[in-house]
Amino acid sequence: MLSIAHRLTTLEHCDEILVFDRGRICQTGSYEALIAEEGIFSDMYHGRLK
């Protein structure tokens, strides 16, 4: 199933998350892994948007 979400909590139970930036995949991983690494997903989670 493909899910497009604006609320990050919607993605908590996904097996794999793909993060796109300008039409390209820039990050992949689990919810926990993406929060732990630097990048767009973590920035959105912590309220820091670039």
PDB file of N, CA and C in Angstrom:
ATOM      1  N   MET A   1       0.842  -1.159   0.000  1.00  0.00           N
ATOM      2  CA  MET A   1       0.000   0.000   0.000  1.00  0.00           C
ATOM      3  C   MET A   1       0.896   1.232   0.000  1.00  0.00           C
ATOM      4  N   LEU A   2       0.504   2.228  -0.692  1.00  0.00           N
ATOM      5  CA  LEU A   2       1.207   3.505  -0.740  1.00  0.00           C
ATOM      6  C   LEU A   2       0.391   4.527   0.041  1.00  0.00           C
ATOM      7  N   SER A   3       1.062   5.244   0.921  1.00  0.00           N
ATOM      8  CA  SER A   3       0.394   6.262   1.719  1.00  0.00           C
ATOM      9  C   SER A   3       1.173   7.561   1.601  1.00  0.00           C
ATOM     10  N   ILE A   4       0.477   8.628   1.317  1.00  0.00           N
ATOM     11  CA  ILE A   4       1.088   9.956   1.284  1.00  0.00           C
ATOM     12  C   ILE A   4       0.540  10.696   2.495  1.00  0.00           C
ATOM     13  N   ALA A   5       1.448  11.192   3.343  1.00  0.00           N
ATOM     14  CA  ALA A   5       0.994  11.765   4.604  1.00  0.00           C
ATOM     15  C   ALA A   5       1.626  13.121   4.876  1.00  0.00           C
ATOM     16  N   HIS A   6       0.868  13.963   5.514  1.00  0.00           N
ATOM     17  CA  HIS A   6       1.377  15.247   5.983  1.00  0.00           C
ATOM     18  C   HIS A   6       1.637  15.199   7.486  1.00  0.00           C
ATOM     19  N   ARG A   7       0.969  14.297   8.166  1.00  0.00           N
ATOM     20  CA  ARG A   7       1.214  14.084   9.594  1.00  0.00           C
ATOM     21  C   ARG A   7       2.167  12.912   9.742  1.00  0.00           C
ATOM     22  N   LEU A   8       3.286  13.150  10.376  1.00  0.00           N
ATOM     23  CA  LEU A   8       4.295  12.101  10.506  1.00  0.00           C
ATOM     24  C   LEU A   8       3.795  10.919  11.322  1.00  0.00           C
ATOM     25  N   THR A   9       2.905  11.148  12.271  1.00  0.00           N
ATOM     26  CA  THR A   9       2.404  10.048  13.093  1.00  0.00           C
ATOM     27  C   THR A   9       1.634   9.027  12.260  1.00  0.00           C
ATOM     28  N   THR A  10       1.132   9.433  11.105  1.00  0.00           N
ATOM     29  CA  THR A  10       0.456   8.513  10.198  1.00  0.00           C
ATOM     30  C   THR A  10       1.419   7.427   9.721  1.00  0.00           C
ATOM     31  N   LEU A  11       2.707   7.721   9.713  1.00  0.00           N
ATOM     32  CA  LEU A  11       3.712   6.816   9.166  1.00  0.00           C
ATOM     33  C   LEU A  11       4.384   5.928  10.209  1.00  0.00           C
ATOM     34  N   GLU A  12       4.020   6.063  11.466  1.00  0.00           N
ATOM     35  CA  GLU A  12       4.689   5.344  12.558  1.00  0.00           C
ATOM     36  C   GLU A  12       4.763   3.835  12.364  1.00  0.00           C
ATOM     37  N   HIS A  13       3.761   3.236  11.787  1.00  0.00           N
ATOM     38  CA  HIS A  13       3.712   1.772  11.680  1.00  0.00           C
ATOM     39  C   HIS A  13       4.032   1.260  10.278  1.00  0.00           C
ATOM     40  N   CYS A  14       4.577   2.096   9.432  1.00  0.00           N
ATOM     41  CA  CYS A  14       4.959   1.675   8.082  1.00  0.00           C
ATOM     42  C   CYS A  14       6.229   0.831   8.132  1.00  0.00           C
ATOM     43  N   ASP A  15       6.337  -0.122   7.224  1.00  0.00           N
ATOM     44  CA  ASP A  15       7.538  -0.954   7.139  1.00  0.00           C
ATOM     45  C   ASP A  15       8.723  -0.156   6.610  1.00  0.00           C
ATOM     46  N   GLU A  16       8.470   0.664   5.606  1.00  0.00           N
ATOM     47  CA  GLU A  16       9.533   1.493   5.028  1.00  0.00           C
ATOM     48  C   GLU A  16       8.943   2.821   4.583  1.00  0.00           C
ATOM     49  N   ILE A  17       9.695   3.889   4.833  1.00  0.00           N
ATOM     50  CA  ILE A  17       9.276   5.237   4.466  1.00  0.00           C
ATOM     51  C   ILE A  17      10.261   5.770   3.438  1.00  0.00           C
ATOM     52  N   LEU A  18       9.740   6.364   2.379  1.00  0.00           N
ATOM     53  CA  LEU A  18      10.559   7.030   1.376  1.00  0.00           C
ATOM     54  C   LEU A  18      10.305   8.531   1.504  1.00  0.00           C
ATOM     55  N   VAL A  19      11.353   9.307   1.644  1.00  0.00           N
ATOM     56  CA  VAL A  19      11.235  10.758   1.761  1.00  0.00           C
ATOM     57  C   VAL A  19      11.698  11.362   0.439  1.00  0.00           C
ATOM     58  N   PHE A  20      10.836  12.145  -0.173  1.00  0.00           N
ATOM     59  CA  PHE A  20      11.149  12.782  -1.445  1.00  0.00           C
ATOM     60  C   PHE A  20      11.491  14.252  -1.248  1.00  0.00           C
ATOM     61  N   ASP A  21      12.413  14.742  -2.050  1.00  0.00           N
ATOM     62  CA  ASP A  21      12.743  16.171  -2.097  1.00  0.00           C
ATOM     63  C   ASP A  21      12.946  16.543  -3.552  1.00  0.00           C
ATOM     64  N   ARG A  22      12.119  17.440  -4.030  1.00  0.00           N
ATOM     65  CA  ARG A  22      12.171  17.888  -5.427  1.00  0.00           C
ATOM     66  C   ARG A  22      12.084  16.723  -6.420  1.00  0.00           C
ATOM     67  N   GLY A  23      11.210  15.751  -6.096  1.00  0.00           N
ATOM     68  CA  GLY A  23      10.958  14.642  -6.994  1.00  0.00           C
ATOM     69  C   GLY A  23      11.938  13.486  -6.910  1.00  0.00           C
ATOM     70  N   ARG A  24      12.888  13.550  -6.004  1.00  0.00           N
ATOM     71  CA  ARG A  24      13.871  12.479  -5.840  1.00  0.00           C
ATOM     72  C   ARG A  24      13.823  11.923  -4.422  1.00  0.00           C
ATOM     73  N   ILE A  25      14.082  10.634  -4.314  1.00  0.00           N
ATOM     74  CA  ILE A  25      14.139  10.003  -2.994  1.00  0.00           C
ATOM     75  C   ILE A  25      15.428  10.441  -2.315  1.00  0.00           C
ATOM     76  N   CYS A  26      15.311  11.064  -1.152  1.00  0.00           N
ATOM     77  CA  CYS A  26      16.502  11.543  -0.449  1.00  0.00           C
ATOM     78  C   CYS A  26      16.771  10.772   0.846  1.00  0.00           C
ATOM     79  N   GLN A  27      15.770  10.031   1.342  1.00  0.00           N
ATOM     80  CA  GLN A  27      15.944   9.229   2.552  1.00  0.00           C
ATOM     81  C   GLN A  27      15.000   8.033   2.489  1.00  0.00           C
ATOM     82  N   THR A  28      15.437   6.924   3.068  1.00  0.00           N
ATOM     83  CA  THR A  28      14.574   5.759   3.230  1.00  0.00           C
ATOM     84  C   THR A  28      14.861   5.134   4.583  1.00  0.00           C
ATOM     85  N   GLY A  29      13.855   4.485   5.143  1.00  0.00           N
ATOM     86  CA  GLY A  29      14.063   3.795   6.404  1.00  0.00           C
ATOM     87  C   GLY A  29      12.795   3.709   7.221  1.00  0.00           C
ATOM     88  N   SER A  30      12.939   3.203   8.431  1.00  0.00           N
ATOM     89  CA  SER A  30      11.808   3.106   9.353  1.00  0.00           C
ATOM     90  C   SER A  30      11.587   4.476  10.010  1.00  0.00           C
ATOM     91  N   TYR A  31      10.460   4.602  10.652  1.00  0.00           N
ATOM     92  CA  TYR A  31      10.108   5.840  11.348  1.00  0.00           C
ATOM     93  C   TYR A  31      11.193   6.214  12.362  1.00  0.00           C
ATOM     94  N   GLU A  32      11.583   5.243  13.191  1.00  0.00           N
ATOM     95  CA  GLU A  32      12.581   5.485  14.239  1.00  0.00           C
ATOM     96  C   GLU A  32      13.945   5.839  13.646  1.00  0.00           C
ATOM     97  N   ALA A  33      14.335   5.118  12.587  1.00  0.00           N
ATOM     98  CA  ALA A  33      15.637   5.373  11.958  1.00  0.00           C
ATOM     99  C   ALA A  33      15.686   6.762  11.331  1.00  0.00           C
ATOM    100  N   LEU A  34      14.604   7.177  10.696  1.00  0.00           N
ATOM    101  CA  LEU A  34      14.585   8.488  10.045  1.00  0.00           C
ATOM    102  C   LEU A  34      14.584   9.637  11.054  1.00  0.00           C
ATOM    103  N   ILE A  35      13.969   9.425  12.199  1.00  0.00           N
ATOM    104  CA  ILE A  35      14.001  10.445  13.250  1.00  0.00           C
ATOM    105  C   ILE A  35      15.421  10.582  13.800  1.00  0.00           C
ATOM    106  N   ALA A  36      16.124   9.458  13.902  1.00  0.00           N
ATOM    107  CA  ALA A  36      17.462   9.441  14.505  1.00  0.00           C
ATOM    108  C   ALA A  36      18.551  10.026  13.607  1.00  0.00           C
ATOM    109  N   GLU A  37      18.348  10.001  12.287  1.00  0.00           N
ATOM    110  CA  GLU A  37      19.399  10.518  11.396  1.00  0.00           C
ATOM    111  C   GLU A  37      19.078  11.935  10.936  1.00  0.00           C
ATOM    112  N   GLU A  38      20.118  12.666  10.570  1.00  0.00           N
ATOM    113  CA  GLU A  38      19.920  14.024  10.065  1.00  0.00           C
ATOM    114  C   GLU A  38      19.239  13.973   8.709  1.00  0.00           C
ATOM    115  N   GLY A  39      18.336  14.914   8.483  1.00  0.00           N
ATOM    116  CA  GLY A  39      17.661  14.982   7.198  1.00  0.00           C
ATOM    117  C   GLY A  39      16.302  15.633   7.311  1.00  0.00           C
ATOM    118  N   ILE A  40      15.603  15.629   6.206  1.00  0.00           N
ATOM    119  CA  ILE A  40      14.304  16.292   6.115  1.00  0.00           C
ATOM    120  C   ILE A  40      13.297  15.709   7.102  1.00  0.00           C
ATOM    121  N   PHE A  41      13.242  14.383   7.199  1.00  0.00           N
ATOM    122  CA  PHE A  41      12.261  13.745   8.083  1.00  0.00           C
ATOM    123  C   PHE A  41      12.484  14.161   9.528  1.00  0.00           C
ATOM    124  N   SER A  42      13.719  14.092   9.969  1.00  0.00           N
ATOM    125  CA  SER A  42      14.051  14.489  11.340  1.00  0.00           C
ATOM    126  C   SER A  42      13.753  15.974  11.569  1.00  0.00           C
ATOM    127  N   ASP A  43      14.066  16.799  10.580  1.00  0.00           N
ATOM    128  CA  ASP A  43      13.780  18.230  10.692  1.00  0.00           C
ATOM    129  C   ASP A  43      12.278  18.469  10.849  1.00  0.00           C
ATOM    130  N   MET A  44      11.457  17.751  10.069  1.00  0.00           N
ATOM    131  CA  MET A  44      10.008  17.908  10.191  1.00  0.00           C
ATOM    132  C   MET A  44       9.535  17.413  11.552  1.00  0.00           C
ATOM    133  N   TYR A  45      10.070  16.292  12.006  1.00  0.00           N
ATOM    134  CA  TYR A  45       9.683  15.720  13.300  1.00  0.00           C
ATOM    135  C   TYR A  45       9.980  16.691  14.444  1.00  0.00           C
ATOM    136  N   HIS A  46      11.128  17.344  14.380  1.00  0.00           N
ATOM    137  CA  HIS A  46      11.546  18.256  15.444  1.00  0.00           C
ATOM    138  C   HIS A  46      11.093  19.698  15.199  1.00  0.00           C
ATOM    139  N   GLY A  47      10.322  19.929  14.144  1.00  0.00           N
ATOM    140  CA  GLY A  47       9.804  21.259  13.848  1.00  0.00           C
ATOM    141  C   GLY A  47      10.804  22.199  13.227  1.00  0.00           C
ATOM    142  N   ARG A  48      11.874  21.632  12.659  1.00  0.00           N
ATOM    143  CA  ARG A  48      12.903  22.452  11.995  1.00  0.00           C
ATOM    144  C   ARG A  48      12.795  22.224  10.495  1.00  0.00           C
ATOM    145  N   LEU A  49      12.227  23.154   9.819  1.00  0.00           N
ATOM    146  CA  LEU A  49      12.119  23.021   8.352  1.00  0.00           C
ATOM    147  C   LEU A  49      13.194  23.874   7.701  1.00  0.00           C
ATOM    148  N   LYS A  50      13.793  23.346   6.672  1.00  0.00           N
ATOM    149  CA  LYS A  50      14.870  24.071   5.963  1.00  0.00           C
ATOM    150  C   LYS A  50      14.282  25.069   5.000  1.00  0.00           C
TER     151      LYS A  50
END
